[in-house]
Every structure is written in structure tokens, then in C-alpha cells.
């Protein structure tokens, strides 16, 4: 069940950290068992890291808190609908549920590329605006074969 106080905390972080010059107007928290275990805010411009989105930072913080790469059983509260990068990070982290305030279209109106990135990802690789080309597949498959055979691999 959505808890408004967690969504309000994500919104509060978005405003506070934007006003302090940390980055864009985005905030997020990761919640487990009714407790915030990770906080994040956009730090793209303050750290020169294009992956330092609020949700990714919150996921990193929560994983650090739990000392685990899995956030199964956790919820993500975000001040805005996660962009494709953040949504993928949430899936990789095994986040159970996502709640958000502003929409992807609201972010677009504010000048962010979210909608374009969603559109780009639904376009076949050969037709994307950034050219992509596959090469050396057989050589790369050696690593996957070794991974499948490794008794020490950790599933994620």
C-alpha cells in the first residue's frame, strides 16, 4: 500500500537538493518494512555522472545499507516516474513496487529527455538515433560459457 509520507520525502529531497545545487529536481527513497533504507537525489551535474539519478543513488544507498545487491521486498518512492535508466536499475535491484508523483510527460515539459528515451528504446536497434553494430559475438560468448560453467557464480 502506498504510504504518502515516503512519497513526500522523495519530493522534499528533490526540492531541497535542487535548491542546494546538487542537481536536477528529482528525489527518491527505498523503503523496506515501513522504514527508509536508502535516500537519493539527482547528482548528475554536481558529480559529473550521467548515471547519478535520484533513483539510482537511492538504490545504491539501500544496497549499501543492506550489504546486498538485491532489494527484493523493497519499494521505491520517486518524485517523478522513473526514466528508462532508473526503471532498469529498479528491475535489476528486484524492487517489488514503484510509486511516483510527477509523470514522464511532466518531466518532458520541464525540459528532460525521458519521453524521447522511452521512444528510443522501443525502436529497433538498427533504427536508433545512436548507431549500433554487433561484432565479435563468438568471442564474447566465451565469457558467458565460462559463467554458466562456473561453480562460484552468484545468481542475480
N, C-alpha and C. Protein backbone atom coordinates (compact mmCIF):
# COMPACT_ATOMS: atom_id res chain seq x y z
N UNK A 1 0.83 -1.17 0.00
CA UNK A 1 0.00 0.00 0.00
C UNK A 1 0.89 1.25 0.00
N UNK A 2 0.54 2.18 -0.85
CA UNK A 2 1.30 3.43 -0.97
C UNK A 2 1.21 4.22 0.34
N UNK A 3 2.39 4.67 0.79
CA UNK A 3 2.47 5.48 2.01
C UNK A 3 2.87 6.90 1.60
N UNK A 4 1.95 7.87 1.69
CA UNK A 4 2.22 9.23 1.22
C UNK A 4 3.44 9.88 1.87
N UNK A 5 3.74 9.53 3.12
CA UNK A 5 4.88 10.16 3.78
C UNK A 5 6.20 9.83 3.08
N UNK A 6 6.30 8.66 2.46
CA UNK A 6 7.53 8.30 1.75
C UNK A 6 7.62 9.05 0.42
N UNK A 7 6.49 9.19 -0.24
CA UNK A 7 6.47 9.96 -1.48
C UNK A 7 6.77 11.44 -1.18
N UNK A 8 6.25 11.93 -0.09
CA UNK A 8 6.54 13.32 0.31
C UNK A 8 8.03 13.50 0.64
N UNK A 9 8.67 12.48 1.21
CA UNK A 9 10.10 12.57 1.49
C UNK A 9 10.88 12.64 0.19
N UNK A 10 10.49 11.86 -0.80
CA UNK A 10 11.15 11.91 -2.11
C UNK A 10 10.99 13.30 -2.73
N UNK A 11 9.80 13.85 -2.64
CA UNK A 11 9.54 15.20 -3.17
C UNK A 11 10.36 16.24 -2.39
N UNK A 12 10.39 16.11 -1.07
CA UNK A 12 11.17 17.04 -0.24
C UNK A 12 12.64 17.02 -0.64
N UNK A 13 13.19 15.81 -0.82
CA UNK A 13 14.58 15.68 -1.24
C UNK A 13 14.80 16.35 -2.60
N UNK A 14 13.85 16.17 -3.50
CA UNK A 14 14.00 16.75 -4.85
C UNK A 14 14.13 18.26 -4.78
N UNK A 15 13.33 18.88 -3.96
CA UNK A 15 13.33 20.34 -3.85
C UNK A 15 14.56 20.83 -3.08
N UNK A 16 14.81 20.21 -1.93
CA UNK A 16 15.94 20.64 -1.09
C UNK A 16 17.27 20.52 -1.82
N UNK A 17 17.49 19.39 -2.44
CA UNK A 17 18.79 19.16 -3.08
C UNK A 17 18.94 19.97 -4.37
N UNK A 18 17.84 20.17 -5.09
CA UNK A 18 17.90 21.04 -6.27
C UNK A 18 18.26 22.46 -5.84
N UNK A 19 17.61 22.95 -4.79
CA UNK A 19 17.87 24.30 -4.30
C UNK A 19 19.29 24.47 -3.76
N UNK A 20 19.90 23.38 -3.32
CA UNK A 20 21.27 23.47 -2.79
C UNK A 20 22.32 23.31 -3.90
N UNK A 21 21.86 23.09 -5.14
CA UNK A 21 22.79 22.97 -6.26
C UNK A 21 23.32 21.57 -6.50
N UNK A 22 22.70 20.57 -5.88
CA UNK A 22 23.16 19.19 -6.04
C UNK A 22 22.85 18.63 -7.43
N UNK A 23 21.79 19.10 -8.07
CA UNK A 23 21.41 18.57 -9.38
C UNK A 23 19.98 18.93 -9.71
N UNK A 24 19.39 18.13 -10.59
CA UNK A 24 18.03 18.38 -11.06
C UNK A 24 16.98 18.08 -10.01
N UNK A 25 15.71 18.35 -10.33
CA UNK A 25 14.61 18.29 -9.38
C UNK A 25 14.03 16.88 -9.19
N UNK A 26 14.86 15.97 -8.73
CA UNK A 26 14.42 14.58 -8.56
C UNK A 26 14.90 14.04 -7.22
N UNK A 27 14.02 13.31 -6.53
CA UNK A 27 14.36 12.67 -5.27
C UNK A 27 13.73 11.30 -5.20
N UNK A 28 14.31 10.42 -4.40
CA UNK A 28 13.79 9.06 -4.28
C UNK A 28 14.20 8.45 -2.95
N UNK A 29 13.37 7.54 -2.46
CA UNK A 29 13.72 6.76 -1.27
C UNK A 29 13.36 5.30 -1.53
N UNK A 30 14.13 4.41 -0.92
CA UNK A 30 13.84 2.98 -0.94
C UNK A 30 13.36 2.61 0.46
N UNK A 31 12.26 1.87 0.51
CA UNK A 31 11.61 1.52 1.77
C UNK A 31 11.52 0.01 1.90
N UNK A 32 11.83 -0.45 3.10
CA UNK A 32 11.69 -1.89 3.41
C UNK A 32 11.04 -1.99 4.78
N UNK A 33 9.97 -2.77 4.85
CA UNK A 33 9.26 -2.98 6.11
C UNK A 33 8.89 -1.66 6.80
N UNK A 34 8.44 -0.68 6.01
CA UNK A 34 7.99 0.58 6.56
C UNK A 34 9.08 1.52 7.03
N UNK A 35 10.32 1.25 6.63
CA UNK A 35 11.45 2.10 7.03
C UNK A 35 12.28 2.49 5.81
N UNK A 36 12.69 3.74 5.75
CA UNK A 36 13.55 4.21 4.66
C UNK A 36 14.94 3.64 4.88
N UNK A 37 15.44 2.89 3.87
CA UNK A 37 16.78 2.31 3.97
C UNK A 37 17.73 2.91 2.94
N UNK A 38 17.21 3.76 2.06
CA UNK A 38 18.05 4.41 1.07
C UNK A 38 17.42 5.71 0.62
N UNK A 39 18.26 6.73 0.48
CA UNK A 39 17.81 8.04 0.00
C UNK A 39 18.67 8.44 -1.18
N UNK A 40 18.05 9.14 -2.13
CA UNK A 40 18.81 9.62 -3.27
C UNK A 40 18.20 10.87 -3.85
N UNK A 41 19.03 11.65 -4.48
CA UNK A 41 18.60 12.85 -5.20
C UNK A 41 19.49 12.96 -6.41
N UNK A 42 19.02 13.69 -7.38
CA UNK A 42 19.77 13.83 -8.61
C UNK A 42 21.10 14.52 -8.34
N UNK A 43 22.18 13.89 -8.79
CA UNK A 43 23.53 14.41 -8.58
C UNK A 43 24.31 14.45 -9.90
N UNK A 44 23.59 14.45 -11.00
CA UNK A 44 24.23 14.39 -12.32
C UNK A 44 25.21 15.55 -12.51
N UNK A 45 24.76 16.77 -12.29
CA UNK A 45 25.62 17.92 -12.57
C UNK A 45 26.62 18.19 -11.46
N UNK A 46 26.31 17.81 -10.23
CA UNK A 46 27.24 18.08 -9.12
C UNK A 46 28.37 17.06 -9.06
N UNK A 47 28.17 15.88 -9.67
CA UNK A 47 29.22 14.85 -9.66
C UNK A 47 29.75 14.55 -11.07
N UNK A 48 29.18 15.21 -12.07
CA UNK A 48 29.53 14.93 -13.47
C UNK A 48 29.37 13.45 -13.81
N UNK A 49 28.30 12.88 -13.29
CA UNK A 49 27.99 11.46 -13.51
C UNK A 49 26.58 11.36 -14.09
N UNK A 50 26.48 11.05 -15.39
CA UNK A 50 25.15 10.99 -16.01
C UNK A 50 24.27 9.86 -15.48
N UNK A 51 24.83 8.94 -14.69
CA UNK A 51 24.03 7.86 -14.10
C UNK A 51 23.59 8.18 -12.68
N UNK A 52 23.96 9.33 -12.14
CA UNK A 52 23.65 9.67 -10.75
C UNK A 52 22.25 10.25 -10.62
N UNK A 53 21.28 9.51 -11.13
CA UNK A 53 19.88 9.89 -11.00
C UNK A 53 19.41 9.56 -9.58
N UNK A 54 18.36 10.22 -9.13
CA UNK A 54 17.87 10.05 -7.76
C UNK A 54 17.59 8.59 -7.42
N UNK A 55 16.89 7.89 -8.31
CA UNK A 55 16.53 6.50 -8.02
C UNK A 55 17.77 5.61 -7.95
N UNK A 56 18.72 5.83 -8.86
CA UNK A 56 19.95 5.03 -8.86
C UNK A 56 20.73 5.30 -7.58
N UNK A 57 20.82 6.56 -7.17
CA UNK A 57 21.54 6.90 -5.94
C UNK A 57 20.84 6.26 -4.73
N UNK A 58 19.51 6.30 -4.70
CA UNK A 58 18.77 5.69 -3.60
C UNK A 58 18.96 4.18 -3.58
N UNK A 59 18.97 3.56 -4.75
CA UNK A 59 19.19 2.11 -4.83
C UNK A 59 20.59 1.78 -4.34
N UNK A 60 21.59 2.55 -4.76
CA UNK A 60 22.97 2.31 -4.28
C UNK A 60 23.04 2.44 -2.76
N UNK A 61 22.38 3.46 -2.22
CA UNK A 61 22.39 3.69 -0.78
C UNK A 61 21.72 2.52 -0.05
N UNK A 62 20.58 2.08 -0.55
CA UNK A 62 19.87 0.96 0.08
C UNK A 62 20.69 -0.33 0.01
N UNK A 63 21.31 -0.58 -1.13
CA UNK A 63 22.15 -1.78 -1.26
C UNK A 63 23.33 -1.72 -0.30
N UNK A 64 23.88 -0.55 -0.12
CA UNK A 64 24.98 -0.37 0.83
C UNK A 64 24.48 -0.64 2.26
N UNK A 65 23.31 -0.13 2.58
CA UNK A 65 22.72 -0.35 3.90
C UNK A 65 22.51 -1.83 4.17
N UNK A 66 21.95 -2.53 3.18
CA UNK A 66 21.65 -3.96 3.35
C UNK A 66 22.85 -4.87 3.08
N UNK A 67 23.89 -4.29 2.49
CA UNK A 67 25.06 -5.09 2.08
C UNK A 67 24.63 -6.23 1.16
N UNK A 68 23.79 -5.86 0.18
CA UNK A 68 23.24 -6.82 -0.77
C UNK A 68 22.94 -6.10 -2.08
N UNK A 69 23.08 -6.82 -3.18
CA UNK A 69 22.71 -6.25 -4.48
C UNK A 69 21.23 -6.45 -4.76
N UNK A 70 20.55 -7.20 -3.92
CA UNK A 70 19.12 -7.46 -4.12
C UNK A 70 18.28 -6.63 -3.16
N UNK A 71 17.32 -5.94 -3.71
CA UNK A 71 16.36 -5.18 -2.90
C UNK A 71 14.98 -5.82 -2.99
N UNK A 72 14.97 -7.15 -3.13
CA UNK A 72 13.70 -7.88 -3.13
C UNK A 72 12.96 -7.55 -1.83
N UNK A 73 11.68 -7.30 -1.95
CA UNK A 73 10.89 -6.95 -0.78
C UNK A 73 10.88 -5.46 -0.48
N UNK A 74 11.54 -4.67 -1.30
CA UNK A 74 11.60 -3.22 -1.08
C UNK A 74 10.72 -2.49 -2.08
N UNK A 75 10.38 -1.26 -1.71
CA UNK A 75 9.60 -0.38 -2.57
C UNK A 75 10.42 0.87 -2.86
N UNK A 76 10.20 1.42 -4.04
CA UNK A 76 10.87 2.65 -4.45
C UNK A 76 9.81 3.75 -4.56
N UNK A 77 10.07 4.86 -3.89
CA UNK A 77 9.22 6.04 -3.97
C UNK A 77 10.03 7.12 -4.66
N UNK A 78 9.48 7.70 -5.73
CA UNK A 78 10.21 8.68 -6.50
C UNK A 78 9.36 9.92 -6.75
N UNK A 79 10.02 11.06 -6.77
CA UNK A 79 9.29 12.31 -7.03
C UNK A 79 8.78 12.38 -8.46
N UNK A 80 9.32 11.52 -9.33
CA UNK A 80 8.91 11.50 -10.74
C UNK A 80 8.96 10.07 -11.27
N UNK A 81 8.14 9.80 -12.24
CA UNK A 81 8.15 8.50 -12.91
C UNK A 81 9.57 8.18 -13.35
N UNK A 82 10.09 7.01 -13.00
CA UNK A 82 11.48 6.69 -13.35
C UNK A 82 11.72 6.70 -14.86
N UNK A 83 12.84 7.29 -15.24
CA UNK A 83 13.28 7.25 -16.64
C UNK A 83 13.72 5.82 -16.96
N UNK A 84 14.00 5.51 -18.21
CA UNK A 84 14.41 4.14 -18.55
C UNK A 84 15.64 3.65 -17.77
N UNK A 85 16.62 4.52 -17.53
CA UNK A 85 17.79 4.13 -16.75
C UNK A 85 17.38 3.70 -15.35
N UNK A 86 16.58 4.51 -14.69
CA UNK A 86 16.17 4.23 -13.32
C UNK A 86 15.23 3.04 -13.23
N UNK A 87 14.36 2.91 -14.20
CA UNK A 87 13.45 1.77 -14.23
C UNK A 87 14.25 0.48 -14.38
N UNK A 88 15.24 0.48 -15.27
CA UNK A 88 16.09 -0.70 -15.44
C UNK A 88 16.85 -1.01 -14.15
N UNK A 89 17.37 0.02 -13.48
CA UNK A 89 18.08 -0.20 -12.22
C UNK A 89 17.14 -0.82 -11.18
N UNK A 90 15.90 -0.35 -11.13
CA UNK A 90 14.92 -0.91 -10.19
C UNK A 90 14.64 -2.38 -10.51
N UNK A 91 14.53 -2.71 -11.79
CA UNK A 91 14.33 -4.11 -12.16
C UNK A 91 15.54 -4.95 -11.78
N UNK A 92 16.75 -4.46 -12.06
CA UNK A 92 17.96 -5.20 -11.71
C UNK A 92 18.06 -5.39 -10.20
N UNK A 93 17.61 -4.41 -9.43
CA UNK A 93 17.67 -4.49 -7.96
C UNK A 93 16.56 -5.36 -7.39
N UNK A 94 15.62 -5.74 -8.25
CA UNK A 94 14.48 -6.57 -7.84
C UNK A 94 13.51 -5.83 -6.91
N UNK A 95 13.39 -4.52 -7.14
CA UNK A 95 12.42 -3.70 -6.40
C UNK A 95 11.03 -4.30 -6.62
N UNK A 96 10.28 -4.40 -5.55
CA UNK A 96 8.96 -5.05 -5.62
C UNK A 96 7.85 -4.15 -6.17
N UNK A 97 7.93 -2.84 -5.86
CA UNK A 97 6.86 -1.93 -6.27
C UNK A 97 7.45 -0.52 -6.37
N UNK A 98 6.90 0.26 -7.30
CA UNK A 98 7.36 1.63 -7.50
C UNK A 98 6.16 2.57 -7.41
N UNK A 99 6.35 3.65 -6.64
CA UNK A 99 5.36 4.71 -6.54
C UNK A 99 6.04 6.00 -7.02
N UNK A 100 5.33 6.81 -7.77
CA UNK A 100 5.91 8.07 -8.24
C UNK A 100 4.87 9.18 -8.23
N UNK A 101 5.37 10.42 -8.20
CA UNK A 101 4.49 11.59 -8.16
C UNK A 101 4.30 12.17 -9.56
N UNK A 102 5.24 12.98 -10.03
CA UNK A 102 5.13 13.58 -11.37
C UNK A 102 5.30 12.49 -12.44
N UNK A 103 4.78 12.76 -13.63
CA UNK A 103 4.86 11.78 -14.72
C UNK A 103 6.05 12.05 -15.64
N UNK A 104 6.30 11.10 -16.48
CA UNK A 104 7.33 11.23 -17.52
C UNK A 104 7.02 12.45 -18.40
N UNK A 105 5.77 12.65 -18.70
CA UNK A 105 5.38 13.80 -19.53
C UNK A 105 5.61 15.12 -18.79
N UNK A 106 5.41 15.11 -17.48
CA UNK A 106 5.71 16.32 -16.69
C UNK A 106 7.20 16.63 -16.77
N UNK A 107 8.04 15.61 -16.71
CA UNK A 107 9.50 15.81 -16.82
C UNK A 107 9.86 16.35 -18.20
N UNK A 108 9.17 15.88 -19.22
CA UNK A 108 9.43 16.37 -20.58
C UNK A 108 9.12 17.86 -20.68
N UNK A 109 7.99 18.28 -20.12
CA UNK A 109 7.61 19.69 -20.13
C UNK A 109 8.66 20.53 -19.41
N UNK A 110 9.29 19.97 -18.37
CA UNK A 110 10.33 20.68 -17.61
C UNK A 110 11.68 20.67 -18.32
N UNK A 111 11.76 19.98 -19.48
CA UNK A 111 12.98 20.02 -20.27
C UNK A 111 13.84 18.78 -20.21
N UNK A 112 13.32 17.68 -19.66
CA UNK A 112 14.09 16.44 -19.57
C UNK A 112 13.71 15.48 -20.70
N UNK A 113 14.63 14.59 -21.07
CA UNK A 113 14.50 13.73 -22.25
C UNK A 113 13.79 12.40 -22.02
N UNK A 114 13.16 12.23 -20.89
CA UNK A 114 12.59 10.93 -20.54
C UNK A 114 11.74 10.31 -21.65
N UNK A 115 10.79 11.08 -22.17
CA UNK A 115 9.87 10.55 -23.19
C UNK A 115 10.64 10.13 -24.44
N UNK A 116 11.63 10.93 -24.85
CA UNK A 116 12.43 10.56 -26.02
C UNK A 116 13.19 9.26 -25.79
N UNK A 117 13.72 9.09 -24.58
CA UNK A 117 14.47 7.86 -24.29
C UNK A 117 13.55 6.64 -24.29
N UNK A 118 12.35 6.79 -23.75
CA UNK A 118 11.39 5.68 -23.80
C UNK A 118 11.09 5.32 -25.26
N UNK A 119 10.88 6.35 -26.10
CA UNK A 119 10.60 6.13 -27.52
C UNK A 119 11.79 5.43 -28.20
N UNK A 120 12.98 5.89 -27.89
CA UNK A 120 14.19 5.35 -28.50
C UNK A 120 14.36 3.86 -28.16
N UNK A 121 14.07 3.49 -26.94
CA UNK A 121 14.22 2.09 -26.53
C UNK A 121 13.20 1.17 -27.20
N UNK A 122 12.08 1.72 -27.61
CA UNK A 122 11.09 0.88 -28.30
C UNK A 122 11.34 0.80 -29.80
N UNK A 123 12.38 1.48 -30.26
CA UNK A 123 12.77 1.47 -31.67
C UNK A 123 13.77 0.33 -31.90
N UNK A 124 13.66 -0.41 -33.01
CA UNK A 124 14.65 -1.46 -33.28
C UNK A 124 16.07 -0.90 -33.25
N UNK A 125 17.02 -1.67 -32.75
CA UNK A 125 18.40 -1.22 -32.58
C UNK A 125 18.97 -0.61 -33.87
N UNK A 126 18.64 -1.19 -35.00
CA UNK A 126 19.19 -0.72 -36.27
C UNK A 126 18.63 0.65 -36.68
N UNK A 127 17.55 1.11 -36.02
CA UNK A 127 16.92 2.37 -36.39
C UNK A 127 17.08 3.46 -35.33
N UNK A 128 17.84 3.20 -34.29
CA UNK A 128 18.00 4.18 -33.20
C UNK A 128 18.88 5.34 -33.64
N UNK A 129 18.73 6.46 -32.95
CA UNK A 129 19.49 7.66 -33.31
C UNK A 129 20.99 7.50 -33.05
N UNK A 130 21.35 6.70 -32.07
CA UNK A 130 22.76 6.38 -31.84
C UNK A 130 23.04 5.08 -32.58
N UNK A 131 23.92 5.11 -33.59
CA UNK A 131 24.19 3.89 -34.36
C UNK A 131 24.72 2.77 -33.48
N UNK A 132 24.25 1.57 -33.75
CA UNK A 132 24.68 0.37 -33.01
C UNK A 132 25.06 -0.70 -34.02
N UNK A 133 26.12 -1.43 -33.69
CA UNK A 133 26.57 -2.51 -34.57
C UNK A 133 27.12 -3.64 -33.73
N UNK A 134 26.68 -4.84 -34.00
CA UNK A 134 27.19 -6.00 -33.29
C UNK A 134 28.43 -6.54 -33.98
N UNK A 135 29.42 -6.99 -33.20
CA UNK A 135 30.64 -7.57 -33.75
C UNK A 135 31.26 -8.48 -32.69
N UNK A 136 32.05 -9.42 -33.12
CA UNK A 136 32.82 -10.33 -32.27
C UNK A 136 31.96 -11.12 -31.28
N UNK A 137 30.76 -11.47 -31.69
CA UNK A 137 29.83 -12.19 -30.83
C UNK A 137 30.42 -13.49 -30.32
N UNK A 138 31.02 -14.28 -31.21
CA UNK A 138 31.57 -15.58 -30.80
C UNK A 138 32.63 -15.42 -29.71
N UNK A 139 33.45 -14.39 -29.83
CA UNK A 139 34.47 -14.15 -28.81
C UNK A 139 33.84 -13.76 -27.48
N UNK A 140 32.80 -12.99 -27.53
CA UNK A 140 32.13 -12.57 -26.30
C UNK A 140 31.39 -13.72 -25.63
N UNK A 141 30.91 -14.66 -26.41
CA UNK A 141 30.17 -15.80 -25.85
C UNK A 141 31.05 -16.69 -24.98
N UNK A 142 32.38 -16.60 -25.15
CA UNK A 142 33.30 -17.37 -24.32
C UNK A 142 33.09 -17.00 -22.84
N UNK A 143 32.92 -15.72 -22.56
CA UNK A 143 32.70 -15.28 -21.17
C UNK A 143 31.39 -15.85 -20.63
N UNK A 144 30.33 -15.83 -21.42
CA UNK A 144 29.05 -16.37 -20.96
C UNK A 144 29.14 -17.87 -20.72
N UNK A 145 29.85 -18.57 -21.57
CA UNK A 145 30.02 -20.00 -21.40
C UNK A 145 30.77 -20.29 -20.09
N UNK A 146 31.83 -19.53 -19.85
CA UNK A 146 32.59 -19.71 -18.60
C UNK A 146 31.70 -19.39 -17.39
N UNK A 147 30.87 -18.37 -17.51
CA UNK A 147 29.96 -18.01 -16.43
C UNK A 147 28.99 -19.14 -16.12
N UNK A 148 28.40 -19.71 -17.16
CA UNK A 148 27.44 -20.82 -16.96
C UNK A 148 28.10 -22.00 -16.28
N UNK A 149 29.36 -22.25 -16.57
CA UNK A 149 30.07 -23.41 -16.03
C UNK A 149 30.69 -23.15 -14.66
N UNK A 150 30.76 -21.91 -14.25
CA UNK A 150 31.44 -21.57 -13.00
C UNK A 150 30.64 -22.02 -11.77
N UNK A 151 31.27 -22.82 -10.92
CA UNK A 151 30.57 -23.24 -9.68
C UNK A 151 30.50 -22.09 -8.66
N UNK A 152 31.28 -21.02 -8.87
CA UNK A 152 31.33 -19.90 -7.93
C UNK A 152 30.42 -18.74 -8.30
N UNK A 153 29.68 -18.88 -9.39
CA UNK A 153 28.86 -17.74 -9.83
C UNK A 153 27.74 -17.45 -8.83
N UNK A 154 27.43 -16.19 -8.72
CA UNK A 154 26.34 -15.74 -7.85
C UNK A 154 25.20 -15.30 -8.77
N UNK A 155 24.07 -15.96 -8.66
CA UNK A 155 22.93 -15.60 -9.50
C UNK A 155 22.35 -14.26 -9.05
N UNK A 156 21.98 -13.45 -10.02
CA UNK A 156 21.29 -12.20 -9.71
C UNK A 156 20.31 -11.86 -10.77
